C-alpha cells in the first residue's frame, strides 16, 4: 500500500514538469520542422535523437507524464481508510469528472491540433475511476491485456499490409463521428488506450509499493534502465526478422 500523505511531493512535481516540457518541445519540433524532423536529408545525431517516429526520446516524455499521473491516483487513494466507502465513492467521482473534463477539452483540441495527449489523458482517468480501488492483480491484468491487444492489432496490420490490404481506416483523419472518436481513442493515432493505458496503470501499481518519502530507489532506476535497453534491442532484433520472413 502506498504511503499516505497530505503534502505535495516535490519530486513528482519536478518529474511531471520535465515530462510536460518535453512533450511540448517534441510536439512543436514535429509541427514546425516537419520535413527535417521526420525525414532529414543528412541525419545528425540530434535529428535521430529527436525524430518524432524513431528517436530514442520519442514518446518518452509523454509516457513519463502518463506514468506519473497513475502514481498520483494511487497517492490520492492512499489517504482513504480501507473501510471508507463514501471516500472511495467521492474519489471515483473526482477522477470521473476530471477525466470527462480533460476528454472534452482534448476533443476540442483534436480539431485544431490532432494527437494532443489531453484527449487520451481524460480517458485514462475515466478508466482509473473504475480501477482505483481494485486489487493489484486486476490492475496488472488490465495493463497486460491493453498491451496484448495493441501488439496483436499491430501484428495483424503488418500482416494485412504485406497482403496488400490496407488498414488506414483504423486511423481516421478526423473525429467527426462516434466511430472515428472510438477508433482514435482506443487504437489509433498518438496515445491510444491500447497500449498507453498500461503506462498509467503501471504508475498506479508502482505507487502502491512506495514506502515513506523515498519514492524512487536505485533498484527502480536499474530495472527501468534494463527495460529500456532491452526493449530497444528486442525491437531491432524482431522487426527486421519479421519483414524478412514475410518478404521471403
C-alpha atoms as a PDB file:
ATOM      1  CA  UNK A   1       0.000   0.000   0.000  1.00  0.00           C
ATOM      2  CA  UNK A   2       1.284   3.450  -0.876  1.00  0.00           C
ATOM      3  CA  UNK A   3       2.259   5.807   1.881  1.00  0.00           C
ATOM      4  CA  UNK A   4      -0.494   8.220   2.830  1.00  0.00           C
ATOM      5  CA  UNK A   5       0.486  11.864   2.639  1.00  0.00           C
ATOM      6  CA  UNK A   6      -1.311  15.182   2.632  1.00  0.00           C
ATOM      7  CA  UNK A   7       1.727  17.095   1.352  1.00  0.00           C
ATOM      8  CA  UNK A   8       2.641  17.632  -2.264  1.00  0.00           C
ATOM      9  CA  UNK A   9       5.605  15.536  -3.318  1.00  0.00           C
ATOM     10  CA  UNK A  10       8.068  17.867  -4.977  1.00  0.00           C
ATOM     11  CA  UNK A  11       9.885  15.072  -6.759  1.00  0.00           C
ATOM     12  CA  UNK A  12       6.712  14.126  -8.638  1.00  0.00           C
ATOM     13  CA  UNK A  13       6.029  17.753  -9.489  1.00  0.00           C
ATOM     14  CA  UNK A  14       9.547  18.087 -10.905  1.00  0.00           C
ATOM     15  CA  UNK A  15       9.230  14.907 -12.984  1.00  0.00           C
ATOM     16  CA  UNK A  16       5.787  15.949 -14.189  1.00  0.00           C
ATOM     17  CA  UNK A  17       7.106  19.379 -15.165  1.00  0.00           C
ATOM     18  CA  UNK A  18      10.087  17.967 -17.074  1.00  0.00           C
ATOM     19  CA  UNK A  19       7.830  15.492 -18.863  1.00  0.00           C
ATOM     20  CA  UNK A  20       5.372  18.228 -19.831  1.00  0.00           C
ATOM     21  CA  UNK A  21       8.146  20.457 -21.174  1.00  0.00           C
ATOM     22  CA  UNK A  22       9.464  17.508 -23.184  1.00  0.00           C
ATOM     23  CA  UNK A  23       6.024  16.752 -24.622  1.00  0.00           C
ATOM     24  CA  UNK A  24       5.553  20.372 -25.704  1.00  0.00           C
ATOM     25  CA  UNK A  25       9.060  20.620 -27.179  1.00  0.00           C
ATOM     26  CA  UNK A  26       8.745  17.432 -29.239  1.00  0.00           C
ATOM     27  CA  UNK A  27       5.279  18.401 -30.488  1.00  0.00           C
ATOM     28  CA  UNK A  28       6.459  21.809 -31.624  1.00  0.00           C
ATOM     29  CA  UNK A  29       9.533  20.235 -33.199  1.00  0.00           C
ATOM     30  CA  UNK A  30       7.363  17.800 -35.170  1.00  0.00           C
ATOM     31  CA  UNK A  31       4.955  20.509 -36.361  1.00  0.00           C
ATOM     32  CA  UNK A  32       7.296  23.419 -37.036  1.00  0.00           C
ATOM     33  CA  UNK A  33      10.132  21.342 -38.520  1.00  0.00           C
ATOM     34  CA  UNK A  34       8.002  18.675 -40.160  1.00  0.00           C
ATOM     35  CA  UNK A  35      10.237  17.692 -43.085  1.00  0.00           C
ATOM     36  CA  UNK A  36      13.525  17.974 -41.203  1.00  0.00           C
ATOM     37  CA  UNK A  37      12.046  16.319 -38.115  1.00  0.00           C
ATOM     38  CA  UNK A  38      10.638  13.212 -39.780  1.00  0.00           C
ATOM     39  CA  UNK A  39      12.861  12.719 -42.832  1.00  0.00           C
ATOM     40  CA  UNK A  40      16.093  14.717 -42.559  1.00  0.00           C
ATOM     41  CA  UNK A  41      18.287  14.606 -45.654  1.00  0.00           C
ATOM     42  CA  UNK A  42      21.543  14.496 -43.700  1.00  0.00           C
ATOM     43  CA  UNK A  43      20.579  12.997 -40.352  1.00  0.00           C
ATOM     44  CA  UNK A  44      22.703  14.179 -37.457  1.00  0.00           C
ATOM     45  CA  UNK A  45      22.925  12.661 -34.000  1.00  0.00           C
ATOM     46  CA  UNK A  46      20.412  15.147 -32.648  1.00  0.00           C
ATOM     47  CA  UNK A  47      17.983  14.731 -35.546  1.00  0.00           C
ATOM     48  CA  UNK A  48      17.980  10.975 -34.947  1.00  0.00           C
ATOM     49  CA  UNK A  49      17.624  11.517 -31.213  1.00  0.00           C
ATOM     50  CA  UNK A  50      14.587  13.799 -31.610  1.00  0.00           C
ATOM     51  CA  UNK A  51      12.962  12.056 -34.573  1.00  0.00           C
ATOM     52  CA  UNK A  52       9.201  12.007 -33.753  1.00  0.00           C
ATOM     53  CA  UNK A  53       8.836   8.483 -35.153  1.00  0.00           C
ATOM     54  CA  UNK A  54      12.014   6.557 -34.379  1.00  0.00           C
ATOM     55  CA  UNK A  55      14.053   8.724 -31.998  1.00  0.00           C
ATOM     56  CA  UNK A  56      15.139   7.457 -28.601  1.00  0.00           C
ATOM     57  CA  UNK A  57      13.167  10.267 -26.940  1.00  0.00           C
ATOM     58  CA  UNK A  58      10.036   9.567 -28.967  1.00  0.00           C
ATOM     59  CA  UNK A  59       7.051   9.237 -26.585  1.00  0.00           C
ATOM     60  CA  UNK A  60       9.368   9.002 -23.555  1.00  0.00           C
ATOM     61  CA  UNK A  61       8.217  12.310 -22.121  1.00  0.00           C
ATOM     62  CA  UNK A  62       4.564  11.534 -22.797  1.00  0.00           C
ATOM     63  CA  UNK A  63       4.905   8.074 -21.255  1.00  0.00           C
ATOM     64  CA  UNK A  64       6.502   9.596 -18.155  1.00  0.00           C
ATOM     65  CA  UNK A  65       3.697  12.152 -17.938  1.00  0.00           C
ATOM     66  CA  UNK A  66       1.086   9.368 -18.031  1.00  0.00           C
ATOM     67  CA  UNK A  67       3.062   7.191 -15.602  1.00  0.00           C
ATOM     68  CA  UNK A  68       3.276   9.988 -13.030  1.00  0.00           C
ATOM     69  CA  UNK A  69      -0.471  10.562 -13.376  1.00  0.00           C
ATOM     70  CA  UNK A  70      -1.027   6.936 -12.380  1.00  0.00           C
ATOM     71  CA  UNK A  71       1.194   7.444  -9.353  1.00  0.00           C
ATOM     72  CA  UNK A  72      -0.878  10.455  -8.381  1.00  0.00           C
ATOM     73  CA  UNK A  73      -4.117   8.469  -8.497  1.00  0.00           C
ATOM     74  CA  UNK A  74      -2.750   5.846  -6.116  1.00  0.00           C
ATOM     75  CA  UNK A  75      -1.439   8.505  -3.735  1.00  0.00           C
ATOM     76  CA  UNK A  76      -4.895  10.090  -3.709  1.00  0.00           C
ATOM     77  CA  UNK A  77      -6.484   6.763  -2.808  1.00  0.00           C
ATOM     78  CA  UNK A  78      -3.854   6.067  -0.133  1.00  0.00           C
ATOM     79  CA  UNK A  79      -5.293   8.861   2.007  1.00  0.00           C
ATOM     80  CA  UNK A  80      -8.525   6.898   2.405  1.00  0.00           C
ATOM     81  CA  UNK A  81      -9.158   4.277   5.037  1.00  0.00           C
ATOM     82  CA  UNK A  82      -9.921   0.766   3.708  1.00  0.00           C
ATOM     83  CA  UNK A  83     -13.478   0.869   5.058  1.00  0.00           C
ATOM     84  CA  UNK A  84     -14.213   4.412   3.864  1.00  0.00           C
ATOM     85  CA  UNK A  85     -16.833   3.541   1.251  1.00  0.00           C
ATOM     86  CA  UNK A  86     -18.025   7.124   0.929  1.00  0.00           C
ATOM     87  CA  UNK A  87     -14.463   8.338   0.462  1.00  0.00           C
ATOM     88  CA  UNK A  88     -13.843   5.837  -2.323  1.00  0.00           C
ATOM     89  CA  UNK A  89     -17.091   6.896  -3.982  1.00  0.00           C
ATOM     90  CA  UNK A  90     -16.075  10.564  -3.827  1.00  0.00           C
ATOM     91  CA  UNK A  91     -12.661   9.741  -5.256  1.00  0.00           C
ATOM     92  CA  UNK A  92     -14.245   7.830  -8.136  1.00  0.00           C
ATOM     93  CA  UNK A  93     -16.464  10.814  -8.912  1.00  0.00           C
ATOM     94  CA  UNK A  94     -13.474  13.163  -8.734  1.00  0.00           C
ATOM     95  CA  UNK A  95     -11.497  11.049 -11.199  1.00  0.00           C
ATOM     96  CA  UNK A  96     -14.535  10.661 -13.439  1.00  0.00           C
ATOM     97  CA  UNK A  97     -15.183  14.412 -13.536  1.00  0.00           C
ATOM     98  CA  UNK A  98     -11.513  15.155 -14.133  1.00  0.00           C
ATOM     99  CA  UNK A  99     -11.357  12.599 -16.911  1.00  0.00           C
ATOM    100  CA  UNK A 100     -14.540  13.832 -18.577  1.00  0.00           C
ATOM    101  CA  UNK A 101     -13.303  17.435 -18.462  1.00  0.00           C
ATOM    102  CA  UNK A 102      -9.926  16.545 -20.000  1.00  0.00           C
ATOM    103  CA  UNK A 103     -11.604  14.343 -22.604  1.00  0.00           C
ATOM    104  CA  UNK A 104     -13.910  17.157 -23.709  1.00  0.00           C
ATOM    105  CA  UNK A 105     -11.113  19.743 -23.784  1.00  0.00           C
ATOM    106  CA  UNK A 106      -8.899  17.296 -25.649  1.00  0.00           C
ATOM    107  CA  UNK A 107     -11.665  16.545 -28.141  1.00  0.00           C
ATOM    108  CA  UNK A 108     -11.923  20.233 -28.934  1.00  0.00           C
ATOM    109  CA  UNK A 109      -8.168  20.457 -29.442  1.00  0.00           C
ATOM    110  CA  UNK A 110      -8.269  17.448 -31.789  1.00  0.00           C
ATOM    111  CA  UNK A 111      -9.945  19.671 -34.385  1.00  0.00           C
ATOM    112  CA  UNK A 112      -7.091  22.185 -34.263  1.00  0.00           C
ATOM    113  CA  UNK A 113      -4.054  20.102 -33.268  1.00  0.00           C
ATOM    114  CA  UNK A 114      -4.672  16.361 -33.771  1.00  0.00           C
ATOM    115  CA  UNK A 115      -2.899  13.926 -31.484  1.00  0.00           C
ATOM    116  CA  UNK A 116      -2.652  16.012 -28.314  1.00  0.00           C
ATOM    117  CA  UNK A 117      -2.354  13.886 -25.209  1.00  0.00           C
ATOM    118  CA  UNK A 118      -5.215  15.551 -23.288  1.00  0.00           C
ATOM    119  CA  UNK A 119      -7.829  13.650 -25.291  1.00  0.00           C
ATOM    120  CA  UNK A 120      -6.348  10.304 -24.241  1.00  0.00           C
ATOM    121  CA  UNK A 121      -5.354  11.546 -20.800  1.00  0.00           C
ATOM    122  CA  UNK A 122      -9.009  12.095 -19.963  1.00  0.00           C
ATOM    123  CA  UNK A 123      -9.844   8.529 -20.978  1.00  0.00           C
ATOM    124  CA  UNK A 124      -7.138   7.152 -18.676  1.00  0.00           C
ATOM    125  CA  UNK A 125      -8.651   8.993 -15.715  1.00  0.00           C
ATOM    126  CA  UNK A 126     -12.128   7.715 -16.542  1.00  0.00           C
ATOM    127  CA  UNK A 127     -10.837   4.134 -16.584  1.00  0.00           C
ATOM    128  CA  UNK A 128      -8.871   4.808 -13.385  1.00  0.00           C
ATOM    129  CA  UNK A 129     -12.109   5.816 -11.666  1.00  0.00           C
ATOM    130  CA  UNK A 130     -13.226   2.210 -12.111  1.00  0.00           C
ATOM    131  CA  UNK A 131      -9.927   0.558 -11.144  1.00  0.00           C
ATOM    132  CA  UNK A 132      -8.748   2.881  -8.363  1.00  0.00           C
ATOM    133  CA  UNK A 133      -9.872   0.528  -5.585  1.00  0.00           C
ATOM    134  CA  UNK A 134      -9.268  -2.728  -7.454  1.00  0.00           C
ATOM    135  CA  UNK A 135      -6.662  -5.271  -6.405  1.00  0.00           C
ATOM    136  CA  UNK A 136      -3.148  -5.018  -7.780  1.00  0.00           C
ATOM    137  CA  UNK A 137      -3.686  -8.270  -9.656  1.00  0.00           C
ATOM    138  CA  UNK A 138      -6.677  -6.825 -11.528  1.00  0.00           C
ATOM    139  CA  UNK A 139      -4.793  -3.630 -12.365  1.00  0.00           C
ATOM    140  CA  UNK A 140      -1.785  -5.577 -13.677  1.00  0.00           C
ATOM    141  CA  UNK A 141      -4.025  -7.926 -15.661  1.00  0.00           C
ATOM    142  CA  UNK A 142      -5.762  -4.955 -17.261  1.00  0.00           C
ATOM    143  CA  UNK A 143      -2.403  -3.404 -18.183  1.00  0.00           C
ATOM    144  CA  UNK A 144      -1.191  -6.657 -19.741  1.00  0.00           C
ATOM    145  CA  UNK A 145      -4.451  -7.004 -21.659  1.00  0.00           C
ATOM    146  CA  UNK A 146      -4.012  -3.477 -23.019  1.00  0.00           C
ATOM    147  CA  UNK A 147      -0.516  -4.322 -24.259  1.00  0.00           C
ATOM    148  CA  UNK A 148      -1.611  -7.674 -25.701  1.00  0.00           C
ATOM    149  CA  UNK A 149      -4.462  -6.109 -27.668  1.00  0.00           C
ATOM    150  CA  UNK A 150      -2.151  -3.443 -29.094  1.00  0.00           C
ATOM    151  CA  UNK A 151       0.539  -5.981 -30.026  1.00  0.00           C
ATOM    152  CA  UNK A 152      -1.968  -8.320 -31.646  1.00  0.00           C
ATOM    153  CA  UNK A 153      -3.532  -5.479 -33.598  1.00  0.00           C
ATOM    154  CA  UNK A 154      -0.138  -4.264 -34.782  1.00  0.00           C
ATOM    155  CA  UNK A 155       0.901  -7.716 -35.997  1.00  0.00           C
ATOM    156  CA  UNK A 156      -2.428  -8.097 -37.793  1.00  0.00           C
ATOM    157  CA  UNK A 157      -1.994  -4.748 -39.526  1.00  0.00           C
ATOM    158  CA  UNK A 158       1.533  -5.655 -40.628  1.00  0.00           C
ATOM    159  CA  UNK A 159       0.263  -8.974 -41.981  1.00  0.00           C
ATOM    160  CA  UNK A 160      -2.573  -7.249 -43.831  1.00  0.00           C
ATOM    161  CA  UNK A 161      -0.173  -4.732 -45.330  1.00  0.00           C
ATOM    162  CA  UNK A 162       2.016  -7.483 -46.772  1.00  0.00           C
ATOM    163  CA  UNK A 163      -1.136  -8.936 -48.314  1.00  0.00           C
ATOM    164  CA  UNK A 164      -1.916  -5.523 -49.846  1.00  0.00           C
ATOM    165  CA  UNK A 165      -4.868  -4.987 -47.531  1.00  0.00           C
ATOM    166  CA  UNK A 166      -4.532  -1.525 -46.050  1.00  0.00           C
ATOM    167  CA  UNK A 167      -5.995  -0.735 -42.655  1.00  0.00           C
ATOM    168  CA  UNK A 168      -5.854   3.049 -42.774  1.00  0.00           C
ATOM    169  CA  UNK A 169      -9.487   3.113 -41.660  1.00  0.00           C
ATOM    170  CA  UNK A 170      -8.187   2.413 -38.144  1.00  0.00           C
ATOM    171  CA  UNK A 171      -6.527   5.846 -38.208  1.00  0.00           C
ATOM    172  CA  UNK A 172      -9.346   8.251 -39.125  1.00  0.00           C
ATOM    173  CA  UNK A 173      -8.246  11.680 -40.297  1.00  0.00           C
ATOM    174  CA  UNK A 174     -10.920  13.422 -38.240  1.00  0.00           C
ATOM    175  CA  UNK A 175     -13.101  12.846 -35.191  1.00  0.00           C
ATOM    176  CA  UNK A 176     -16.379  13.765 -36.855  1.00  0.00           C
ATOM    177  CA  UNK A 177     -18.339  10.653 -35.864  1.00  0.00           C
ATOM    178  CA  UNK A 178     -18.678   8.379 -32.804  1.00  0.00           C
ATOM    179  CA  UNK A 179     -16.937   5.605 -34.754  1.00  0.00           C
ATOM    180  CA  UNK A 180     -13.932   7.777 -35.559  1.00  0.00           C
ATOM    181  CA  UNK A 181     -13.752   9.064 -31.988  1.00  0.00           C
ATOM    182  CA  UNK A 182     -13.712   5.490 -30.657  1.00  0.00           C
ATOM    183  CA  UNK A 183     -11.059   4.375 -33.150  1.00  0.00           C
ATOM    184  CA  UNK A 184      -8.782   7.307 -32.375  1.00  0.00           C
ATOM    185  CA  UNK A 185      -9.298   6.870 -28.644  1.00  0.00           C
ATOM    186  CA  UNK A 186      -8.694   3.124 -28.455  1.00  0.00           C
ATOM    187  CA  UNK A 187      -6.407   2.079 -31.306  1.00  0.00           C
ATOM    188  CA  UNK A 188      -5.253   4.954 -33.480  1.00  0.00           C
ATOM    189  CA  UNK A 189      -3.028   7.988 -33.691  1.00  0.00           C
ATOM    190  CA  UNK A 190      -0.633   9.038 -30.933  1.00  0.00           C
ATOM    191  CA  UNK A 191      -1.569   7.770 -27.443  1.00  0.00           C
ATOM    192  CA  UNK A 192      -4.408   5.224 -27.788  1.00  0.00           C
ATOM    193  CA  UNK A 193      -5.755   3.319 -24.804  1.00  0.00           C
ATOM    194  CA  UNK A 194      -4.258   0.173 -26.334  1.00  0.00           C
ATOM    195  CA  UNK A 195      -1.446   0.108 -25.138  1.00  0.00           C
ATOM    196  CA  UNK A 196      -0.932   3.516 -23.460  1.00  0.00           C
ATOM    197  CA  UNK A 197      -3.274   2.710 -20.607  1.00  0.00           C
ATOM    198  CA  UNK A 198      -0.539   0.335 -19.411  1.00  0.00           C
ATOM    199  CA  UNK A 199       1.732   3.279 -18.522  1.00  0.00           C
ATOM    200  CA  UNK A 200      -0.991   4.818 -16.366  1.00  0.00           C
ATOM    201  CA  UNK A 201      -1.751   1.525 -14.623  1.00  0.00           C
ATOM    202  CA  UNK A 202       1.963   0.828 -14.141  1.00  0.00           C
ATOM    203  CA  UNK A 203       2.209   4.097 -12.243  1.00  0.00           C
ATOM    204  CA  UNK A 204      -0.703   3.046 -10.035  1.00  0.00           C
ATOM    205  CA  UNK A 205       0.936  -0.300  -9.280  1.00  0.00           C
ATOM    206  CA  UNK A 206       4.408   1.108  -8.619  1.00  0.00           C
ATOM    207  CA  UNK A 207       2.990   3.731  -6.251  1.00  0.00           C
ATOM    208  CA  UNK A 208       1.358   1.010  -4.180  1.00  0.00           C
ATOM    209  CA  UNK A 209       4.828  -0.167  -3.272  1.00  0.00           C
ATOM    210  CA  UNK A 210       6.138   3.212  -2.155  1.00  0.00           C
ATOM    211  CA  UNK A 211       7.440   3.325   1.380  1.00  0.00           C
ATOM    212  CA  UNK A 212       7.910   6.558   3.280  1.00  0.00           C
ATOM    213  CA  UNK A 213       9.001   9.590   1.278  1.00  0.00           C
ATOM    214  CA  UNK A 214      11.654   7.754  -0.701  1.00  0.00           C
ATOM    215  CA  UNK A 215       9.787   7.344  -3.946  1.00  0.00           C
ATOM    216  CA  UNK A 216      12.367   6.181  -6.487  1.00  0.00           C
ATOM    217  CA  UNK A 217      15.218   3.929  -5.427  1.00  0.00           C
ATOM    218  CA  UNK A 218      18.333   2.716  -7.195  1.00  0.00           C
ATOM    219  CA  UNK A 219      16.553  -0.566  -7.805  1.00  0.00           C
ATOM    220  CA  UNK A 220      13.726   1.204  -9.630  1.00  0.00           C
ATOM    221  CA  UNK A 221      16.235   3.096 -11.778  1.00  0.00           C
ATOM    222  CA  UNK A 222      18.204  -0.066 -12.590  1.00  0.00           C
ATOM    223  CA  UNK A 223      15.098  -2.002 -13.610  1.00  0.00           C
ATOM    224  CA  UNK A 224      13.898   0.925 -15.742  1.00  0.00           C
ATOM    225  CA  UNK A 225      17.271   1.159 -17.487  1.00  0.00           C
ATOM    226  CA  UNK A 226      17.343  -2.566 -18.223  1.00  0.00           C
ATOM    227  CA  UNK A 227      13.804  -2.446 -19.622  1.00  0.00           C
ATOM    228  CA  UNK A 228      14.594   0.499 -21.908  1.00  0.00           C
ATOM    229  CA  UNK A 229      17.779  -1.071 -23.293  1.00  0.00           C
ATOM    230  CA  UNK A 230      16.127  -4.483 -23.592  1.00  0.00           C
ATOM    231  CA  UNK A 231      13.113  -3.057 -25.427  1.00  0.00           C
ATOM    232  CA  UNK A 232      15.303  -1.270 -27.978  1.00  0.00           C
ATOM    233  CA  UNK A 233      17.427  -4.372 -28.561  1.00  0.00           C
ATOM    234  CA  UNK A 234      14.338  -6.554 -28.921  1.00  0.00           C
ATOM    235  CA  UNK A 235      12.823  -4.101 -31.390  1.00  0.00           C
ATOM    236  CA  UNK A 236      15.965  -4.111 -33.538  1.00  0.00           C
ATOM    237  CA  UNK A 237      16.148  -7.911 -33.463  1.00  0.00           C
ATOM    238  CA  UNK A 238      12.495  -8.717 -34.072  1.00  0.00           C
ATOM    239  CA  UNK A 239      11.360  -6.063 -36.539  1.00  0.00           C
ATOM    240  CA  UNK A 240      13.888  -6.832 -39.325  1.00  0.00           C
ATOM    241  CA  UNK A 241      13.287 -10.588 -38.998  1.00  0.00           C
ATOM    242  CA  UNK A 242       9.522 -10.132 -39.335  1.00  0.00           C
ATOM    243  CA  UNK A 243       9.968  -8.127 -42.519  1.00  0.00           C
ATOM    244  CA  UNK A 244      12.498 -10.578 -43.948  1.00  0.00           C
ATOM    245  CA  UNK A 245      10.310 -13.591 -43.187  1.00  0.00           C
ATOM    246  CA  UNK A 246       7.237 -12.001 -44.767  1.00  0.00           C
ATOM    247  CA  UNK A 247       9.147 -10.832 -47.838  1.00  0.00           C
ATOM    248  CA  UNK A 248      10.536 -14.330 -48.375  1.00  0.00           C
END
